[in-house]
PDB file of N, CA and C in Angstrom:
ATOM      1  N   MET A   1      -1.010  38.372   1.995  1.00  0.00           N
ATOM      2  CA  MET A   1      -1.197  37.462   3.236  1.00  0.00           C
ATOM      3  C   MET A   1      -1.203  36.090   3.177  1.00  0.00           C
ATOM      4  N   SER A   2      -2.141  35.734   1.991  1.00  0.00           N
ATOM      5  CA  SER A   2      -2.594  34.288   1.789  1.00  0.00           C
ATOM      6  C   SER A   2      -1.438  33.613   1.273  1.00  0.00           C
ATOM      7  N   TRP A   3      -0.630  34.424   0.264  1.00  0.00           N
ATOM      8  CA  TRP A   3       0.262  33.904  -0.299  1.00  0.00           C
ATOM      9  C   TRP A   3       1.557  33.390   0.673  1.00  0.00           C
ATOM     10  N   ILE A   4       1.849  34.285   1.566  1.00  0.00           N
ATOM     11  CA  ILE A   4       2.847  33.767   2.422  1.00  0.00           C
ATOM     12  C   ILE A   4       2.547  32.923   3.494  1.00  0.00           C
ATOM     13  N   VAL A   5       1.125  32.916   3.971  1.00  0.00           N
ATOM     14  CA  VAL A   5       0.635  31.523   4.576  1.00  0.00           C
ATOM     15  C   VAL A   5       0.701  30.436   3.727  1.00  0.00           C
ATOM     16  N   LEU A   6       0.255  30.659   2.525  1.00  0.00           N
ATOM     17  CA  LEU A   6       0.726  29.301   1.622  1.00  0.00           C
ATOM     18  C   LEU A   6       1.888  28.882   1.571  1.00  0.00           C
ATOM     19  N   VAL A   7       2.998  29.541   1.230  1.00  0.00           N
ATOM     20  CA  VAL A   7       4.277  29.172   1.146  1.00  0.00           C
ATOM     21  C   VAL A   7       4.785  28.587   2.320  1.00  0.00           C
ATOM     22  N   LEU A   8       3.983  29.015   3.571  1.00  0.00           N
ATOM     23  CA  LEU A   8       4.958  28.553   4.835  1.00  0.00           C
ATOM     24  C   LEU A   8       4.142  27.148   4.977  1.00  0.00           C
ATOM     25  N   SER A   9       2.866  27.185   4.643  1.00  0.00           N
ATOM     26  CA  SER A   9       2.065  25.788   4.689  1.00  0.00           C
ATOM     27  C   SER A   9       2.938  24.717   4.060  1.00  0.00           C
ATOM     28  N   GLY A  10       3.332  25.160   2.772  1.00  0.00           N
ATOM     29  CA  GLY A  10       4.218  24.188   1.758  1.00  0.00           C
ATOM     30  C   GLY A  10       5.279  23.804   2.370  1.00  0.00           C
ATOM     31  N   VAL A  11       6.054  24.790   3.246  1.00  0.00           N
ATOM     32  CA  VAL A  11       7.217  24.410   4.009  1.00  0.00           C
ATOM     33  C   VAL A  11       6.860  23.271   5.116  1.00  0.00           C
ATOM     34  N   LEU A  12       5.712  23.576   5.591  1.00  0.00           N
ATOM     35  CA  LEU A  12       5.367  22.634   6.664  1.00  0.00           C
ATOM     36  C   LEU A  12       4.848  21.154   6.231  1.00  0.00           C
ATOM     37  N   GLU A  13       4.519  21.333   5.089  1.00  0.00           N
ATOM     38  CA  GLU A  13       4.101  20.146   4.349  1.00  0.00           C
ATOM     39  C   GLU A  13       5.510  19.123   4.105  1.00  0.00           C
ATOM     40  N   ALA A  14       6.553  19.823   3.930  1.00  0.00           N
ATOM     41  CA  ALA A  14       7.916  18.986   3.832  1.00  0.00           C
ATOM     42  C   ALA A  14       8.187  18.600   4.952  1.00  0.00           C
ATOM     43  N   VAL A  15       8.138  19.311   6.239  1.00  0.00           N
ATOM     44  CA  VAL A  15       8.374  19.059   7.504  1.00  0.00           C
ATOM     45  C   VAL A  15       7.581  17.687   8.004  1.00  0.00           C
ATOM     46  N   TRP A  16       6.310  18.026   7.649  1.00  0.00           N
ATOM     47  CA  TRP A  16       5.292  16.523   8.122  1.00  0.00           C
ATOM     48  C   TRP A  16       5.761  15.332   7.563  1.00  0.00           C
ATOM     49  N   ALA A  17       6.160  15.311   6.189  1.00  0.00           N
ATOM     50  CA  ALA A  17       6.386  14.320   5.237  1.00  0.00           C
ATOM     51  C   ALA A  17       7.635  13.749   5.831  1.00  0.00           C
ATOM     52  N   THR A  18       8.593  14.661   6.072  1.00  0.00           N
ATOM     53  CA  THR A  18       9.922  13.880   6.493  1.00  0.00           C
ATOM     54  C   THR A  18       9.891  13.514   7.921  1.00  0.00           C
ATOM     55  N   ALA A  19       9.126  14.204   8.929  1.00  0.00           N
ATOM     56  CA  ALA A  19       8.920  13.662  10.143  1.00  0.00           C
ATOM     57  C   ALA A  19       8.115  12.300   9.979  1.00  0.00           C
ATOM     58  N   LEU A  20       7.107  12.007   9.032  1.00  0.00           N
ATOM     59  CA  LEU A  20       6.347  10.651   8.681  1.00  0.00           C
ATOM     60  C   LEU A  20       7.402   9.836   8.341  1.00  0.00           C
ATOM     61  N   GLY A  21       8.231  10.184   7.621  1.00  0.00           N
ATOM     62  CA  GLY A  21       9.173   9.079   7.163  1.00  0.00           C
ATOM     63  C   GLY A  21      10.260   8.664   8.211  1.00  0.00           C
ATOM     64  N   ARG A  22      10.455   9.397   9.258  1.00  0.00           N
ATOM     65  CA  ARG A  22      11.306   9.186  10.340  1.00  0.00           C
ATOM     66  C   ARG A  22      10.581   8.761  11.584  1.00  0.00           C
ATOM     67  N   SER A  23       9.342   8.404  11.431  1.00  0.00           N
ATOM     68  CA  SER A  23       8.563   8.142  12.472  1.00  0.00           C
ATOM     69  C   SER A  23       8.317   6.613  12.831  1.00  0.00           C
ATOM     70  N   ASP A  24       9.073   5.746  11.849  1.00  0.00           N
ATOM     71  CA  ASP A  24       8.806   4.361  11.930  1.00  0.00           C
ATOM     72  C   ASP A  24       7.613   3.801  12.129  1.00  0.00           C
ATOM     73  N   GLY A  25       6.662   4.293  11.225  1.00  0.00           N
ATOM     74  CA  GLY A  25       5.233   3.865  11.314  1.00  0.00           C
ATOM     75  C   GLY A  25       4.349   4.590  12.708  1.00  0.00           C
ATOM     76  N   LEU A  26       4.683   5.791  12.934  1.00  0.00           N
ATOM     77  CA  LEU A  26       4.269   6.625  13.895  1.00  0.00           C
ATOM     78  C   LEU A  26       4.608   5.866  15.286  1.00  0.00           C
ATOM     79  N   THR A  27       5.598   5.159  15.266  1.00  0.00           N
ATOM     80  CA  THR A  27       6.245   4.467  16.855  1.00  0.00           C
ATOM     81  C   THR A  27       7.062   5.386  17.595  1.00  0.00           C
ATOM     82  N   ARG A  28       7.897   6.158  16.670  1.00  0.00           N
ATOM     83  CA  ARG A  28       8.536   6.976  17.514  1.00  0.00           C
ATOM     84  C   ARG A  28       8.327   8.293  18.143  1.00  0.00           C
ATOM     85  N   PRO A  29       8.180   8.586  19.084  1.00  0.00           N
ATOM     86  CA  PRO A  29       7.545   9.726  19.738  1.00  0.00           C
ATOM     87  C   PRO A  29       7.528  11.218  19.102  1.00  0.00           C
ATOM     88  N   VAL A  30       8.975  11.728  19.203  1.00  0.00           N
ATOM     89  CA  VAL A  30       9.052  12.696  18.504  1.00  0.00           C
ATOM     90  C   VAL A  30       9.109  13.229  17.243  1.00  0.00           C
ATOM     91  N   PRO A  31       9.465  12.312  16.500  1.00  0.00           N
ATOM     92  CA  PRO A  31       9.069  12.255  14.849  1.00  0.00           C
ATOM     93  C   PRO A  31       7.391  12.397  14.727  1.00  0.00           C
ATOM     94  N   THR A  32       6.809  11.645  15.402  1.00  0.00           N
ATOM     95  CA  THR A  32       5.379  11.435  15.321  1.00  0.00           C
ATOM     96  C   THR A  32       4.766  12.611  15.838  1.00  0.00           C
ATOM     97  N   ALA A  33       5.062  13.177  17.167  1.00  0.00           N
ATOM     98  CA  ALA A  33       4.637  14.599  17.396  1.00  0.00           C
ATOM     99  C   ALA A  33       4.883  15.668  16.308  1.00  0.00           C
ATOM    100  N   THR A  34       6.067  15.644  15.877  1.00  0.00           N
ATOM    101  CA  THR A  34       6.306  16.666  14.877  1.00  0.00           C
ATOM    102  C   THR A  34       5.589  16.461  13.794  1.00  0.00           C
ATOM    103  N   PHE A  35       5.319  15.242  13.133  1.00  0.00           N
ATOM    104  CA  PHE A  35       4.346  15.051  12.021  1.00  0.00           C
ATOM    105  C   PHE A  35       3.159  15.447  12.411  1.00  0.00           C
ATOM    106  N   LEU A  36       2.439  15.294  13.650  1.00  0.00           N
ATOM    107  CA  LEU A  36       1.202  15.764  13.849  1.00  0.00           C
ATOM    108  C   LEU A  36       0.965  17.191  13.980  1.00  0.00           C
ATOM    109  N   VAL A  37       1.758  17.991  14.532  1.00  0.00           N
ATOM    110  CA  VAL A  37       1.770  19.167  14.738  1.00  0.00           C
ATOM    111  C   VAL A  37       2.107  20.155  13.326  1.00  0.00           C
ATOM    112  N   ALA A  38       3.094  19.681  12.598  1.00  0.00           N
ATOM    113  CA  ALA A  38       3.197  20.170  11.142  1.00  0.00           C
ATOM    114  C   ALA A  38       2.063  20.041  10.180  1.00  0.00           C
ATOM    115  N   LEU A  39       1.495  18.777  10.355  1.00  0.00           N
ATOM    116  CA  LEU A  39       0.310  18.412   9.441  1.00  0.00           C
ATOM    117  C   LEU A  39      -0.671  19.271   9.840  1.00  0.00           C
ATOM    118  N   GLY A  40      -1.169  19.353  11.147  1.00  0.00           N
ATOM    119  CA  GLY A  40      -2.168  20.302  11.358  1.00  0.00           C
ATOM    120  C   GLY A  40      -2.039  21.814  11.000  1.00  0.00           C
ATOM    121  N   LEU A  41      -0.770  22.208  11.337  1.00  0.00           N
ATOM    122  CA  LEU A  41      -0.343  23.718  10.800  1.00  0.00           C
ATOM    123  C   LEU A  41      -0.538  23.828   9.478  1.00  0.00           C
ATOM    124  N   SER A  42      -0.106  22.669   8.829  1.00  0.00           N
ATOM    125  CA  SER A  42       0.251  22.887   7.102  1.00  0.00           C
ATOM    126  C   SER A  42      -1.222  22.904   6.508  1.00  0.00           C
ATOM    127  N   MET A  43      -2.178  22.102   7.087  1.00  0.00           N
ATOM    128  CA  MET A  43      -3.326  21.875   6.431  1.00  0.00           C
ATOM    129  C   MET A  43      -4.317  23.284   6.861  1.00  0.00           C
ATOM    130  N   GLY A  44      -4.208  23.586   8.060  1.00  0.00           N
ATOM    131  CA  GLY A  44      -4.756  24.771   8.566  1.00  0.00           C
ATOM    132  C   GLY A  44      -4.436  26.172   7.824  1.00  0.00           C
ATOM    133  N   GLY A  45      -3.223  26.094   7.453  1.00  0.00           N
ATOM    134  CA  GLY A  45      -2.537  27.053   6.510  1.00  0.00           C
ATOM    135  C   GLY A  45      -3.162  27.286   5.162  1.00  0.00           C
ATOM    136  N   LEU A  46      -3.241  26.076   4.618  1.00  0.00           N
ATOM    137  CA  LEU A  46      -3.704  25.760   3.342  1.00  0.00           C
ATOM    138  C   LEU A  46      -5.204  26.211   3.215  1.00  0.00           C
ATOM    139  N   GLY A  47      -5.844  25.676   4.302  1.00  0.00           N
ATOM    140  CA  GLY A  47      -7.465  25.965   4.204  1.00  0.00           C
ATOM    141  C   GLY A  47      -7.750  27.568   4.338  1.00  0.00           C
ATOM    142  N   TYR A  48      -6.630  28.303   5.156  1.00  0.00           N
ATOM    143  CA  TYR A  48      -6.662  29.820   4.969  1.00  0.00           C
ATOM    144  C   TYR A  48      -6.388  30.401   3.655  1.00  0.00           C
ATOM    145  N   ALA A  49      -5.375  29.974   2.937  1.00  0.00           N
ATOM    146  CA  ALA A  49      -4.970  30.299   1.845  1.00  0.00           C
ATOM    147  C   ALA A  49      -6.219  30.194   0.742  1.00  0.00           C
ATOM    148  N   MET A  50      -6.804  29.195   1.040  1.00  0.00           N
ATOM    149  CA  MET A  50      -7.795  28.684  -0.188  1.00  0.00           C
ATOM    150  C   MET A  50      -9.063  29.703   0.124  1.00  0.00           C
ATOM    151  N   ARG A  51      -9.295  30.415   0.994  1.00  0.00           N
ATOM    152  CA  ARG A  51     -10.260  31.453   1.483  1.00  0.00           C
ATOM    153  C   ARG A  51     -10.237  32.349   0.360  1.00  0.00           C
ATOM    154  N   THR A  52      -8.932  32.894   0.016  1.00  0.00           N
ATOM    155  CA  THR A  52      -8.902  33.911  -0.920  1.00  0.00           C
ATOM    156  C   THR A  52      -8.232  33.559  -2.328  1.00  0.00           C
ATOM    157  N   LEU A  53      -7.406  32.220  -2.490  1.00  0.00           N
ATOM    158  CA  LEU A  53      -6.775  32.085  -3.655  1.00  0.00           C
ATOM    159  C   LEU A  53      -7.794  31.107  -4.069  1.00  0.00           C
ATOM    160  N   PRO A  54      -7.553  30.680  -5.389  1.00  0.00           N
ATOM    161  CA  PRO A  54      -8.199  29.576  -6.004  1.00  0.00           C
ATOM    162  C   PRO A  54      -7.692  28.307  -5.626  1.00  0.00           C
ATOM    163  N   VAL A  55      -8.596  27.162  -5.618  1.00  0.00           N
ATOM    164  CA  VAL A  55      -8.294  26.088  -4.784  1.00  0.00           C
ATOM    165  C   VAL A  55      -7.363  25.410  -5.689  1.00  0.00           C
ATOM    166  N   GLY A  56      -7.518  25.379  -7.096  1.00  0.00           N
ATOM    167  CA  GLY A  56      -6.472  24.559  -7.746  1.00  0.00           C
ATOM    168  C   GLY A  56      -5.030  25.136  -7.813  1.00  0.00           C
ATOM    169  N   THR A  57      -4.938  26.564  -7.767  1.00  0.00           N
ATOM    170  CA  THR A  57      -3.616  27.090  -7.581  1.00  0.00           C
ATOM    171  C   THR A  57      -3.084  26.868  -6.406  1.00  0.00           C
ATOM    172  N   SER A  58      -3.739  27.134  -5.304  1.00  0.00           N
ATOM    173  CA  SER A  58      -3.371  26.832  -3.786  1.00  0.00           C
ATOM    174  C   SER A  58      -2.930  25.686  -3.576  1.00  0.00           C
ATOM    175  N   TYR A  59      -3.541  24.546  -3.920  1.00  0.00           N
ATOM    176  CA  TYR A  59      -3.204  23.149  -4.008  1.00  0.00           C
ATOM    177  C   TYR A  59      -1.863  22.855  -4.725  1.00  0.00           C
ATOM    178  N   ALA A  60      -1.726  23.189  -5.886  1.00  0.00           N
ATOM    179  CA  ALA A  60      -0.574  23.068  -6.694  1.00  0.00           C
ATOM    180  C   ALA A  60       0.599  23.579  -6.146  1.00  0.00           C
ATOM    181  N   VAL A  61       0.546  24.800  -5.741  1.00  0.00           N
ATOM    182  CA  VAL A  61       1.984  25.505  -5.064  1.00  0.00           C
ATOM    183  C   VAL A  61       2.051  24.791  -3.672  1.00  0.00           C
ATOM    184  N   TRP A  62       1.062  24.542  -2.955  1.00  0.00           N
ATOM    185  CA  TRP A  62       1.289  23.845  -1.476  1.00  0.00           C
ATOM    186  C   TRP A  62       2.060  22.445  -1.724  1.00  0.00           C
ATOM    187  N   VAL A  63       1.584  21.686  -2.795  1.00  0.00           N
ATOM    188  CA  VAL A  63       2.347  20.189  -3.013  1.00  0.00           C
ATOM    189  C   VAL A  63       3.595  20.630  -3.617  1.00  0.00           C
ATOM    190  N   GLY A  64       3.619  21.448  -4.544  1.00  0.00           N
ATOM    191  CA  GLY A  64       4.908  21.659  -5.307  1.00  0.00           C
ATOM    192  C   GLY A  64       6.237  22.084  -4.239  1.00  0.00           C
ATOM    193  N   ILE A  65       5.600  22.948  -3.616  1.00  0.00           N
ATOM    194  CA  ILE A  65       6.741  23.516  -2.381  1.00  0.00           C
ATOM    195  C   ILE A  65       7.050  22.331  -1.638  1.00  0.00           C
ATOM    196  N   GLY A  66       6.024  21.628  -1.116  1.00  0.00           N
ATOM    197  CA  GLY A  66       6.376  20.289  -0.054  1.00  0.00           C
ATOM    198  C   GLY A  66       7.106  19.348  -0.855  1.00  0.00           C
ATOM    199  N   ALA A  67       6.955  19.000  -2.010  1.00  0.00           N
ATOM    200  CA  ALA A  67       7.435  18.018  -2.810  1.00  0.00           C
ATOM    201  C   ALA A  67       8.856  18.337  -2.957  1.00  0.00           C
ATOM    202  N   VAL A  68       9.236  19.510  -3.575  1.00  0.00           N
ATOM    203  CA  VAL A  68      10.645  19.885  -3.787  1.00  0.00           C
ATOM    204  C   VAL A  68      11.427  20.220  -2.482  1.00  0.00           C
ATOM    205  N   LEU A  69      10.749  20.511  -1.552  1.00  0.00           N
ATOM    206  CA  LEU A  69      11.806  20.599  -0.220  1.00  0.00           C
ATOM    207  C   LEU A  69      11.846  19.337   0.336  1.00  0.00           C
ATOM    208  N   THR A  70      10.866  18.225   0.391  1.00  0.00           N
ATOM    209  CA  THR A  70      10.824  17.133   1.003  1.00  0.00           C
ATOM    210  C   THR A  70      12.105  16.203   0.260  1.00  0.00           C
ATOM    211  N   VAL A  71      12.139  16.412  -1.185  1.00  0.00           N
ATOM    212  CA  VAL A  71      13.367  15.726  -1.860  1.00  0.00           C
ATOM    213  C   VAL A  71      14.693  16.418  -1.590  1.00  0.00           C
ATOM    214  N   VAL A  72      14.644  17.634  -1.579  1.00  0.00           N
ATOM    215  CA  VAL A  72      15.761  18.306  -1.229  1.00  0.00           C
ATOM    216  C   VAL A  72      16.246  18.005   0.084  1.00  0.00           C
ATOM    217  N   VAL A  73      15.685  17.920   0.886  1.00  0.00           N
ATOM    218  CA  VAL A  73      16.055  17.578   2.354  1.00  0.00           C
ATOM    219  C   VAL A  73      16.585  16.120   2.367  1.00  0.00           C
ATOM    220  N   ALA A  74      15.899  15.174   1.628  1.00  0.00           N
ATOM    221  CA  ALA A  74      16.190  13.847   1.536  1.00  0.00           C
ATOM    222  C   ALA A  74      17.767  13.706   0.734  1.00  0.00           C
ATOM    223  N   MET A  75      17.725  14.505  -0.081  1.00  0.00           N
ATOM    224  CA  MET A  75      19.174  14.467  -0.740  1.00  0.00           C
ATOM    225  C   MET A  75      20.158  15.054   0.164  1.00  0.00           C
ATOM    226  N   LEU A  76      19.916  16.016   0.740  1.00  0.00           N
ATOM    227  CA  LEU A  76      21.029  16.612   1.727  1.00  0.00           C
ATOM    228  C   LEU A  76      21.372  15.658   2.789  1.00  0.00           C
ATOM    229  N   THR A  77      20.382  15.052   3.343  1.00  0.00           N
ATOM    230  CA  THR A  77      20.879  14.038   4.360  1.00  0.00           C
ATOM    231  C   THR A  77      21.194  12.708   4.005  1.00  0.00           C
ATOM    232  N   GLY A  78      21.092  12.310   2.635  1.00  0.00           N
ATOM    233  CA  GLY A  78      21.737  11.061   2.200  1.00  0.00           C
ATOM    234  C   GLY A  78      20.584  10.231   2.035  1.00  0.00           C
ATOM    235  N   THR A  79      19.466  10.446   2.399  1.00  0.00           N
ATOM    236  CA  THR A  79      18.310   9.274   2.288  1.00  0.00           C
ATOM    237  C   THR A  79      17.815   8.829   0.858  1.00  0.00           C
ATOM    238  N   GLU A  80      18.161  10.052  -0.093  1.00  0.00           N
ATOM    239  CA  GLU A  80      18.034   9.982  -1.499  1.00  0.00           C
ATOM    240  C   GLU A  80      19.093  10.292  -2.121  1.00  0.00           C
ATOM    241  N   ALA A  81      19.286   9.728  -3.386  1.00  0.00           N
ATOM    242  CA  ALA A  81      20.585  10.084  -3.841  1.00  0.00           C
ATOM    243  C   ALA A  81      20.255  11.152  -4.896  1.00  0.00           C
ATOM    244  N   PHE A  82      21.436  11.956  -4.944  1.00  0.00           N
ATOM    245  CA  PHE A  82      21.402  13.335  -5.816  1.00  0.00           C
ATOM    246  C   PHE A  82      21.746  12.759  -7.421  1.00  0.00           C
ATOM    247  N   SER A  83      21.048  13.521  -8.204  1.00  0.00           N
ATOM    248  CA  SER A  83      21.373  13.565  -9.577  1.00  0.00           C
ATOM    249  C   SER A  83      20.957  14.609 -10.204  1.00  0.00           C
ATOM    250  N   VAL A  84      21.767  15.004 -11.216  1.00  0.00           N
ATOM    251  CA  VAL A  84      21.620  16.331 -11.918  1.00  0.00           C
ATOM    252  C   VAL A  84      20.310  16.589 -12.567  1.00  0.00           C
ATOM    253  N   VAL A  85      19.867  15.376 -13.030  1.00  0.00           N
ATOM    254  CA  VAL A  85      18.501  15.293 -13.906  1.00  0.00           C
ATOM    255  C   VAL A  85      17.406  15.454 -12.636  1.00  0.00           C
ATOM    256  N   LYS A  86      17.560  14.994 -11.344  1.00  0.00           N
ATOM    257  CA  LYS A  86      16.580  15.487 -10.452  1.00  0.00           C
ATOM    258  C   LYS A  86      16.618  16.815 -10.165  1.00  0.00           C
ATOM    259  N   ALA A  87      17.626  17.357 -10.076  1.00  0.00           N
ATOM    260  CA  ALA A  87      17.923  18.907  -9.741  1.00  0.00           C
ATOM    261  C   ALA A  87      17.472  19.653 -10.828  1.00  0.00           C
ATOM    262  N   LEU A  88      17.532  19.243 -12.053  1.00  0.00           N
ATOM    263  CA  LEU A  88      16.886  20.031 -12.890  1.00  0.00           C
ATOM    264  C   LEU A  88      15.268  19.919 -12.929  1.00  0.00           C
ATOM    265  N   LEU A  89      14.764  18.862 -12.588  1.00  0.00           N
ATOM    266  CA  LEU A  89      13.459  18.726 -12.716  1.00  0.00           C
ATOM    267  C   LEU A  89      12.749  19.415 -11.493  1.00  0.00           C
ATOM    268  N   LEU A  90      13.412  19.770 -10.269  1.00  0.00           N
ATOM    269  CA  LEU A  90      13.207  20.210  -9.248  1.00  0.00           C
ATOM    270  C   LEU A  90      13.147  21.736  -9.598  1.00  0.00           C
ATOM    271  N   THR A  91      14.192  22.421 -10.286  1.00  0.00           N
ATOM    272  CA  THR A  91      14.136  23.521 -10.751  1.00  0.00           C
ATOM    273  C   THR A  91      13.036  23.912 -11.617  1.00  0.00           C
ATOM    274  N   GLY A  92      12.674  22.801 -12.662  1.00  0.00           N
ATOM    275  CA  GLY A  92      11.723  23.128 -13.305  1.00  0.00           C
ATOM    276  C   GLY A  92      10.010  23.174 -12.259  1.00  0.00           C
ATOM    277  N   LEU A  93      10.107  22.396 -11.502  1.00  0.00           N
ATOM    278  CA  LEU A  93       8.869  22.622 -10.434  1.00  0.00           C
ATOM    279  C   LEU A  93       9.043  23.970  -9.790  1.00  0.00           C
ATOM    280  N   VAL A  94      10.064  24.469  -9.367  1.00  0.00           N
ATOM    281  CA  VAL A  94      10.078  25.695  -8.661  1.00  0.00           C
ATOM    282  C   VAL A  94       9.487  26.665  -9.822  1.00  0.00           C
ATOM    283  N   GLY A  95      10.194  26.766 -11.079  1.00  0.00           N
ATOM    284  CA  GLY A  95       9.755  27.640 -11.829  1.00  0.00           C
ATOM    285  C   GLY A  95       8.277  27.638 -12.338  1.00  0.00           C
ATOM    286  N   CYS A  96       7.476  26.454 -12.226  1.00  0.00           N
ATOM    287  CA  CYS A  96       6.124  26.305 -12.346  1.00  0.00           C
ATOM    288  C   CYS A  96       5.463  26.911 -11.257  1.00  0.00           C
ATOM    289  N   ILE A  97       5.991  27.004  -9.985  1.00  0.00           N
ATOM    290  CA  ILE A  97       5.313  27.560  -8.710  1.00  0.00           C
ATOM    291  C   ILE A  97       5.372  28.742  -9.015  1.00  0.00           C
ATOM    292  N   ILE A  98       6.609  29.467  -9.167  1.00  0.00           N
ATOM    293  CA  ILE A  98       6.741  30.954  -9.164  1.00  0.00           C
ATOM    294  C   ILE A  98       5.684  31.161 -10.481  1.00  0.00           C
ATOM    295  N   GLY A  99       5.742  30.667 -11.591  1.00  0.00           N
ATOM    296  CA  GLY A  99       4.618  30.791 -12.625  1.00  0.00           C
ATOM    297  C   GLY A  99       3.296  30.946 -12.127  1.00  0.00           C
ATOM    298  N   LEU A 100       2.915  29.999 -11.466  1.00  0.00           N
ATOM    299  CA  LEU A 100       1.562  30.392 -10.812  1.00  0.00           C
ATOM    300  C   LEU A 100       1.299  31.380 -10.283  1.00  0.00           C
ATOM    301  N   LYS A 101       2.348  31.818  -9.330  1.00  0.00           N
ATOM    302  CA  LYS A 101       1.936  33.208  -8.683  1.00  0.00           C
ATOM    303  C   LYS A 101       2.081  34.340  -9.581  1.00  0.00           C
ATOM    304  N   LEU A 102       2.877  34.508 -10.613  1.00  0.00           N
ATOM    305  CA  LEU A 102       3.108  35.446 -11.417  1.00  0.00           C
ATOM    306  C   LEU A 102       1.618  35.515 -12.274  1.00  0.00           C
ATOM    307  N   VAL A 103       1.123  34.398 -12.709  1.00  0.00           N
ATOM    308  CA  VAL A 103      -0.070  34.745 -13.333  1.00  0.00           C
ATOM    309  C   VAL A 103      -1.535  34.844 -12.671  1.00  0.00           C
ATOM    310  N   HIS A 104      -1.019  34.595 -11.149  1.00  0.00           N
ATOM    311  CA  HIS A 104      -2.294  35.079 -10.450  1.00  0.00           C
ATOM    312  C   HIS A 104      -2.826  36.428 -10.492  1.00  0.00           C
TER     313      HIS A 104
END
């Protein structure tokens, strides 16, 4: 159960990071509210997962999932340019995240 919560918390990290970027310095109400709710749920889930999973592994997986999804969303929406090198590096990050799960 902790792994499922951790993965969902990583997804929510991408949600809050994207919402923060769209909030114009926390001045737009909907992105700001989305940021605050997703941030709270993401941190809460990370804290829950850390009760049974090692801190280092939990944090690395959480950050990795959030970072990869944030970049993918930015590339899909045109906020960030796509490149083959970025795609390969993101694939490497995903492989490392899966590896952390497998060696746990």
